[in-house]
Amino acid sequence: MAEITASMVKELREMTGLGMMECKKALSETAGDMKAAEDLLRIKSGAKASKAAGRIAAEGVIGVYLSADSQCGALVEVNCETDFVAKNDDIINFSKTLAELVAVKNLTDIAALSDAPLAPGETVESTRKALVMKLGENISIRRCARHATEGRLASYLHGTKIGVIVDYTSNDDALGKDIAMHIAASKPVCVSKDQVSNEVLEHERQIFTAQAAESGKPANIIEKMVDGRIAKYLAEITLLGQPFVKDPEQTVEQLLAKKSAKVAGFTMFVVGEGIEKKSENFAEEVKAQMGQL
């Protein structure tokens, strides 16, 4: 069995929001399998699935660009080591420049972006290296996404940590902004329930069935309970099913219907999403540098 470390317990606590001892016990019962432990805790406690998009695990900024006609746009994530550097105007402006470059030059991957020219004799990569020298931290370009549409794009940047571009059909600029802000706040996984894979639904159904079985109710009642929980789950993770943040009495789908508008798609970047931030022991690091270890 894998050794159950404090960091494993901490990670599981962050994923589930449950107590330390519960998380430690679940890890022990599943031989240190993080995913199995999460599922076990969900069955026993009714906890929801973890939302990695809500966890910021590294520093950096999101750059956003929209063309003047709002039909082309891009997001770029630039990472650095500390929040202090993330607030520096140089790295913020660099991310904005990169987003514009991705949109205008139709760049689809980091390799092409890194090779792209900026100022005469300078590339994105040479500019990045110059920033590393100037700011004294490792700076990397993590990812980019480009949108082009015959409809309309709207964007929202929450500080510099969360960036959203939404593709929608309407000439209502305020509506587009509201939907982009909603996505940043509520973090839907996709637009509609038909975009949720059968594999994901089957996994959730298994979890909900195991949870319902704990109640000891008859099979026909359990089936109805599971169907209800699946419906609630789909409402939570899909843009159209979520209550609109500015007016929770209506869903986003109802809002769009009133405005005769539709959402074709969206992209949301959260700084550090999915990156495990390295935890340093400063005293041990100093000893190591002094050759005492």
Protein backbone atom coordinates (compact mmCIF):
# COMPACT_ATOMS: atom_id res chain seq x y z
CA MET A 1 0.00 0.00 0.00
CA ALA A 2 1.24 3.49 -0.85
CA GLU A 3 2.35 5.64 2.08
CA ILE A 4 -0.37 8.12 3.06
CA THR A 5 1.39 11.48 3.27
CA ALA A 6 0.19 14.76 4.75
CA SER A 7 0.24 16.33 1.28
CA MET A 8 -2.09 13.61 -0.03
CA VAL A 9 -4.53 14.25 2.83
CA LYS A 10 -4.34 18.01 2.19
CA GLU A 11 -5.03 17.56 -1.53
CA LEU A 12 -8.04 15.34 -0.84
CA ARG A 13 -9.37 17.86 1.69
CA GLU A 14 -9.13 20.62 -0.94
CA MET A 15 -10.92 18.43 -3.48
CA THR A 16 -13.80 17.40 -1.21
CA GLY A 17 -14.01 20.02 1.54
CA LEU A 18 -14.15 17.23 4.15
CA GLY A 19 -12.22 16.75 7.40
CA MET A 20 -8.63 15.60 7.72
CA MET A 21 -9.40 12.33 9.50
CA GLU A 22 -12.14 11.41 7.00
CA CYS A 23 -9.73 12.03 4.13
CA LYS A 24 -6.92 10.07 5.78
CA LYS A 25 -9.22 7.10 6.44
CA ALA A 26 -10.50 7.14 2.85
CA LEU A 27 -6.94 7.13 1.50
CA SER A 28 -6.06 4.21 3.77
CA GLU A 29 -9.09 2.23 2.63
CA THR A 30 -8.23 2.80 -1.04
CA ALA A 31 -4.49 2.12 -0.70
CA GLY A 32 -3.61 5.72 -1.49
CA ASP A 33 -5.61 5.91 -4.73
CA MET A 34 -6.66 9.58 -4.83
CA LYS A 35 -9.51 9.18 -7.31
CA ALA A 36 -10.90 6.11 -5.56
CA ALA A 37 -10.68 7.92 -2.21
CA GLU A 38 -12.59 10.89 -3.62
CA ASP A 39 -15.32 8.57 -4.94
CA LEU A 40 -15.50 6.78 -1.59
CA LEU A 41 -15.94 10.06 0.28
CA ARG A 42 -18.59 11.20 -2.18
CA ILE A 43 -20.53 7.97 -1.59
CA LYS A 44 -20.25 8.17 2.21
CA SER A 45 -20.80 11.90 2.66
CA GLY A 46 -22.71 13.01 -0.42
CA ALA A 47 -19.94 15.47 -1.29
CA LYS A 48 -19.96 16.96 -4.77
CA ALA A 49 -17.36 16.26 -7.42
CA SER A 50 -14.25 18.41 -7.10
CA LYS A 51 -13.95 21.49 -9.30
CA ALA A 52 -10.35 21.89 -10.34
CA ALA A 53 -11.21 25.08 -12.22
CA GLY A 54 -11.86 26.77 -8.90
CA ARG A 55 -8.34 26.11 -7.63
CA ILE A 56 -5.51 28.48 -8.47
CA ALA A 57 -2.32 26.49 -8.05
CA ALA A 58 0.30 28.70 -9.73
CA GLU A 59 0.91 32.37 -10.39
CA GLY A 60 0.59 34.31 -13.62
CA VAL A 61 -1.80 36.33 -15.76
CA ILE A 62 -4.41 35.85 -18.47
CA GLY A 63 -4.19 38.03 -21.57
CA VAL A 64 -7.38 38.73 -23.55
CA TYR A 65 -7.87 40.26 -27.00
CA LEU A 66 -10.96 41.00 -29.09
CA SER A 67 -10.94 42.47 -32.60
CA ALA A 68 -12.79 45.73 -33.28
CA ASP A 69 -15.65 43.86 -34.97
CA SER A 70 -15.86 41.36 -32.06
CA GLN A 71 -15.56 38.41 -34.43
CA CYS A 72 -12.05 37.30 -33.57
CA GLY A 73 -10.40 36.94 -30.18
CA ALA A 74 -7.93 35.01 -28.08
CA LEU A 75 -6.86 34.08 -24.57
CA VAL A 76 -3.28 33.42 -23.44
CA GLU A 77 -1.99 32.24 -20.06
CA VAL A 78 1.48 33.37 -18.99
CA ASN A 79 2.88 31.83 -15.80
CA CYS A 80 5.47 33.15 -13.36
CA GLU A 81 6.68 32.14 -9.90
CA THR A 82 5.20 34.78 -7.58
CA ASP A 83 2.11 36.92 -7.30
CA PHE A 84 4.40 39.95 -6.99
CA VAL A 85 5.75 39.47 -10.52
CA ALA A 86 2.25 38.63 -11.79
CA LYS A 87 1.27 42.21 -10.92
CA ASN A 88 4.14 43.68 -12.93
CA ASP A 89 3.05 45.78 -15.93
CA ASP A 90 5.66 44.13 -18.16
CA ILE A 91 4.18 40.64 -17.81
CA ILE A 92 0.59 41.93 -18.01
CA ASN A 93 1.35 43.82 -21.24
CA PHE A 94 3.25 40.79 -22.58
CA SER A 95 0.16 38.60 -22.10
CA LYS A 96 -2.05 41.15 -23.89
CA THR A 97 0.40 41.35 -26.80
CA LEU A 98 0.46 37.56 -27.09
CA ALA A 99 -3.34 37.33 -27.11
CA GLU A 100 -3.52 39.83 -29.96
CA LEU A 101 -0.81 37.95 -31.85
CA VAL A 102 -2.67 34.64 -31.50
CA ALA A 103 -5.88 36.20 -32.80
CA VAL A 104 -4.45 38.24 -35.67
CA LYS A 105 -1.91 35.67 -36.91
CA ASN A 106 -4.24 32.69 -36.39
CA LEU A 107 -1.78 30.86 -34.14
CA THR A 108 -3.03 27.65 -32.57
CA ASP A 109 -0.16 26.32 -30.45
CA ILE A 110 2.61 27.54 -28.16
CA ALA A 111 5.41 26.46 -30.50
CA ALA A 112 4.09 28.66 -33.31
CA LEU A 113 3.48 31.51 -30.86
CA SER A 114 7.02 31.30 -29.46
CA ASP A 115 8.52 31.54 -32.96
CA ALA A 116 6.32 34.47 -34.00
CA PRO A 117 8.07 37.83 -34.61
CA LEU A 118 7.34 40.83 -32.41
CA ALA A 119 9.59 43.89 -32.77
CA PRO A 120 12.16 43.92 -35.61
CA GLY A 121 14.75 41.24 -34.85
CA GLU A 122 12.77 40.00 -31.86
CA THR A 123 10.55 36.96 -31.43
CA VAL A 124 8.10 36.04 -28.70
CA GLU A 125 10.70 33.62 -27.31
CA SER A 126 13.51 36.19 -27.22
CA THR A 127 11.15 38.66 -25.55
CA ARG A 128 10.19 36.04 -22.97
CA LYS A 129 13.86 35.39 -22.18
CA ALA A 130 14.47 39.13 -21.79
CA LEU A 131 11.61 39.28 -19.29
CA VAL A 132 13.14 36.39 -17.34
CA MET A 133 16.38 38.35 -17.08
CA LYS A 134 14.63 41.58 -16.15
CA LEU A 135 12.14 40.20 -13.58
CA GLY A 136 14.35 37.45 -12.15
CA GLU A 137 11.77 34.70 -12.37
CA ASN A 138 10.98 31.82 -14.67
CA ILE A 139 8.26 32.98 -17.06
CA SER A 140 6.47 30.56 -19.35
CA ILE A 141 3.68 30.70 -21.92
CA ARG A 142 1.40 27.87 -20.92
CA ARG A 143 -1.54 27.84 -23.33
CA CYS A 144 -3.58 29.82 -25.83
CA ALA A 145 -7.01 29.63 -27.43
CA ARG A 146 -8.39 31.45 -30.47
CA HIS A 147 -12.01 32.12 -31.38
CA ALA A 148 -13.35 33.25 -34.76
CA THR A 149 -17.09 33.52 -35.42
CA GLU A 150 -19.72 34.80 -37.79
CA GLY A 151 -21.70 35.77 -34.72
CA ARG A 152 -20.21 37.86 -31.94
CA LEU A 153 -17.61 37.45 -29.22
CA ALA A 154 -17.63 38.92 -25.74
CA SER A 155 -14.85 38.77 -23.16
CA TYR A 156 -14.40 39.22 -19.45
CA LEU A 157 -11.23 39.41 -17.39
CA HIS A 158 -11.55 39.00 -13.62
CA GLY A 159 -8.48 40.86 -12.42
CA THR A 160 -5.76 39.04 -14.32
CA LYS A 161 -6.52 35.55 -12.98
CA ILE A 162 -9.64 34.44 -14.88
CA GLY A 163 -10.28 35.14 -18.56
CA VAL A 164 -13.36 34.24 -20.60
CA ILE A 165 -14.35 34.52 -24.25
CA VAL A 166 -17.91 33.58 -25.21
CA ASP A 167 -19.24 33.08 -28.75
CA TYR A 168 -22.89 34.12 -29.00
CA THR A 169 -25.55 35.20 -31.48
CA SER A 170 -26.86 38.66 -30.56
CA ASN A 171 -26.01 42.31 -31.08
CA ASP A 172 -26.54 42.95 -27.37
CA ASP A 173 -23.07 43.80 -26.04
CA ALA A 174 -24.31 43.96 -22.45
CA LEU A 175 -25.75 40.45 -22.71
CA GLY A 176 -22.46 39.07 -24.01
CA LYS A 177 -20.56 40.72 -21.15
CA ASP A 178 -23.04 39.37 -18.61
CA ILE A 179 -22.73 35.82 -19.94
CA ALA A 180 -18.92 36.04 -19.90
CA MET A 181 -19.00 37.30 -16.30
CA HIS A 182 -21.41 34.50 -15.36
CA ILE A 183 -19.03 31.89 -16.80
CA ALA A 184 -16.14 33.33 -14.78
CA ALA A 185 -18.23 33.21 -11.60
CA SER A 186 -20.03 29.88 -12.03
CA LYS A 187 -17.41 27.95 -14.05
CA PRO A 188 -19.63 25.73 -16.22
CA VAL A 189 -17.92 22.78 -17.91
CA CYS A 190 -19.80 23.08 -21.22
CA VAL A 191 -22.72 24.89 -22.83
CA SER A 192 -25.45 22.23 -22.76
CA LYS A 193 -26.18 18.77 -21.36
CA ASP A 194 -25.83 17.08 -24.76
CA GLN A 195 -22.12 17.96 -24.61
CA VAL A 196 -21.58 15.89 -21.44
CA SER A 197 -20.06 12.55 -22.36
CA ASN A 198 -21.79 9.25 -21.59
CA GLU A 199 -18.67 8.18 -19.71
CA VAL A 200 -18.93 11.14 -17.31
CA LEU A 201 -22.66 10.61 -16.82
CA GLU A 202 -22.20 6.89 -16.15
CA HIS A 203 -19.53 7.61 -13.54
CA GLU A 204 -21.77 10.12 -11.77
CA ARG A 205 -24.71 7.72 -11.96
CA GLN A 206 -22.64 5.03 -10.24
CA ILE A 207 -21.68 7.45 -7.46
CA PHE A 208 -25.25 8.66 -6.98
CA THR A 209 -26.59 5.09 -7.00
CA ALA A 210 -24.12 4.08 -4.27
CA GLN A 211 -25.07 7.18 -2.26
CA ALA A 212 -28.79 6.47 -2.60
CA ALA A 213 -28.30 2.80 -1.66
CA GLU A 214 -27.03 3.99 1.74
CA SER A 215 -30.56 5.19 2.46
CA GLY A 216 -31.93 1.64 2.37
CA LYS A 217 -34.91 2.70 0.24
CA PRO A 218 -36.53 0.37 -2.34
CA ALA A 219 -34.92 0.03 -5.78
CA ASN A 220 -37.67 1.96 -7.60
CA ILE A 221 -37.28 4.91 -5.20
CA ILE A 222 -33.49 4.80 -5.55
CA GLU A 223 -33.85 4.97 -9.34
CA LYS A 224 -35.97 8.11 -9.06
CA MET A 225 -33.50 9.63 -6.58
CA VAL A 226 -30.60 8.98 -8.95
CA ASP A 227 -32.48 10.47 -11.93
CA GLY A 228 -33.14 13.59 -9.88
CA ARG A 229 -29.50 13.91 -8.84
CA ILE A 230 -28.33 13.46 -12.43
CA ALA A 231 -30.67 16.26 -13.52
CA LYS A 232 -29.31 18.49 -10.73
CA TYR A 233 -25.72 17.61 -11.66
CA LEU A 234 -26.31 18.57 -15.31
CA ALA A 235 -27.85 21.86 -14.22
CA GLU A 236 -24.77 22.61 -12.11
CA ILE A 237 -22.13 21.95 -14.77
CA THR A 238 -23.83 23.28 -17.93
CA LEU A 239 -24.03 26.95 -18.78
CA LEU A 240 -27.66 26.73 -19.93
CA GLY A 241 -28.76 24.91 -16.78
CA GLN A 242 -27.15 27.24 -14.24
CA PRO A 243 -29.09 29.98 -12.43
CA PHE A 244 -27.99 33.32 -13.90
CA VAL A 245 -25.69 35.02 -11.36
CA LYS A 246 -27.40 38.42 -11.67
CA ASP A 247 -30.88 36.91 -11.37
CA PRO A 248 -30.92 33.41 -9.83
CA GLU A 249 -34.70 33.19 -10.40
CA GLN A 250 -34.01 32.37 -14.05
CA THR A 251 -31.52 30.07 -15.74
CA VAL A 252 -29.06 31.22 -18.37
CA GLU A 253 -31.12 29.28 -20.91
CA GLN A 254 -34.23 31.27 -19.96
CA LEU A 255 -32.31 34.54 -20.14
CA LEU A 256 -31.01 33.73 -23.62
CA ALA A 257 -34.49 32.74 -24.80
CA LYS A 258 -35.90 36.10 -23.65
CA LYS A 259 -33.17 37.88 -25.61
CA SER A 260 -33.55 35.59 -28.67
CA ALA A 261 -29.86 34.75 -28.31
CA LYS A 262 -27.78 31.57 -28.33
CA VAL A 263 -24.32 30.61 -27.07
CA ALA A 264 -22.22 28.60 -29.54
CA GLY A 265 -19.28 28.03 -27.20
CA PHE A 266 -16.84 29.54 -24.73
CA THR A 267 -13.32 29.27 -23.39
CA MET A 268 -12.32 30.01 -19.81
CA PHE A 269 -8.75 30.11 -18.53
CA VAL A 270 -8.01 30.18 -14.80
CA VAL A 271 -4.41 30.93 -13.88
CA GLY A 272 -2.65 27.78 -12.73
CA GLU A 273 -5.65 25.51 -13.33
CA GLY A 274 -4.47 21.92 -12.99
CA ILE A 275 -0.93 22.84 -11.95
CA GLU A 276 0.29 21.53 -8.61
CA LYS A 277 2.07 24.36 -6.85
CA LYS A 278 5.34 23.22 -5.35
CA SER A 279 5.52 23.58 -1.59
CA GLU A 280 8.97 24.52 -0.39
CA ASN A 281 10.49 24.00 3.05
CA PHE A 282 12.59 27.15 3.28
CA ALA A 283 14.88 25.92 6.08
CA GLU A 284 15.62 22.67 4.25
CA GLU A 285 16.22 24.57 1.01
CA VAL A 286 18.78 26.84 2.69
CA LYS A 287 20.56 23.84 4.23
CA ALA A 288 20.66 22.12 0.85
CA GLN A 289 22.19 25.18 -0.80
CA MET A 290 24.82 25.33 1.95
CA GLY A 291 25.70 21.67 1.41
CA GLN A 292 24.48 20.60 4.84
CA LEU A 293 22.19 17.88 3.52
